Amino acid sequence: MITPQLKTHISFRASYLFSADYKDIMQYRDMKSKPLAQLRFNGMI
């Protein structure tokens, strides 16, 4: 189940992923499993 907050996060990242290389995309996939608080700490949101 995808929450509205997660959808917003995915939409926000989508514009970045258009210019990302494969390594960045794989890193993002790893980050999806982390808590949103951790993502904010890393400056990803």
Protein backbone atom coordinates (compact mmCIF):
# COMPACT_ATOMS: atom_id res chain seq x y z
CA MET A 1 0.00 0.00 0.00
CA ILE A 2 1.34 3.39 -1.02
CA THR A 3 0.47 6.28 1.26
CA PRO A 4 -0.16 9.80 -0.13
CA GLN A 5 3.04 10.96 1.57
CA LEU A 6 5.03 8.25 -0.16
CA LYS A 7 3.44 9.11 -3.51
CA THR A 8 4.51 12.72 -3.00
CA HIS A 9 8.04 11.55 -2.21
CA ILE A 10 8.15 9.38 -5.33
CA SER A 11 6.84 12.23 -7.51
CA PHE A 12 9.44 14.57 -6.03
CA ARG A 13 12.24 12.12 -6.77
CA ALA A 14 10.97 11.26 -10.25
CA SER A 15 12.21 14.54 -11.74
CA TYR A 16 15.66 13.85 -10.31
CA LEU A 17 15.72 10.26 -11.55
CA PHE A 18 15.29 11.45 -15.14
CA SER A 19 18.87 12.75 -14.97
CA ALA A 20 20.23 10.12 -12.61
CA ASP A 21 22.63 7.39 -13.61
CA TYR A 22 22.15 3.71 -12.78
CA LYS A 23 24.12 3.93 -9.54
CA ASP A 24 21.94 6.78 -8.25
CA ILE A 25 18.79 4.83 -9.11
CA MET A 26 20.01 1.76 -7.22
CA GLN A 27 20.95 3.95 -4.25
CA TYR A 28 17.43 5.41 -4.27
CA ARG A 29 15.92 1.91 -4.29
CA ASP A 30 17.96 1.11 -1.17
CA MET A 31 16.78 4.32 0.50
CA LYS A 32 13.11 3.50 -0.06
CA SER A 33 13.33 0.93 2.72
CA LYS A 34 14.58 3.51 5.24
CA PRO A 35 12.28 5.57 7.50
CA LEU A 36 11.21 8.96 6.15
CA ALA A 37 12.95 10.57 9.13
CA GLN A 38 16.24 9.08 7.96
CA LEU A 39 15.63 10.32 4.42
CA ARG A 40 15.01 13.83 5.73
CA PHE A 41 18.24 13.62 7.72
CA ASN A 42 20.09 12.74 4.54
CA GLY A 43 18.48 15.67 2.73
CA MET A 44 16.59 13.48 0.28
CA ILE A 45 13.20 15.07 1.05
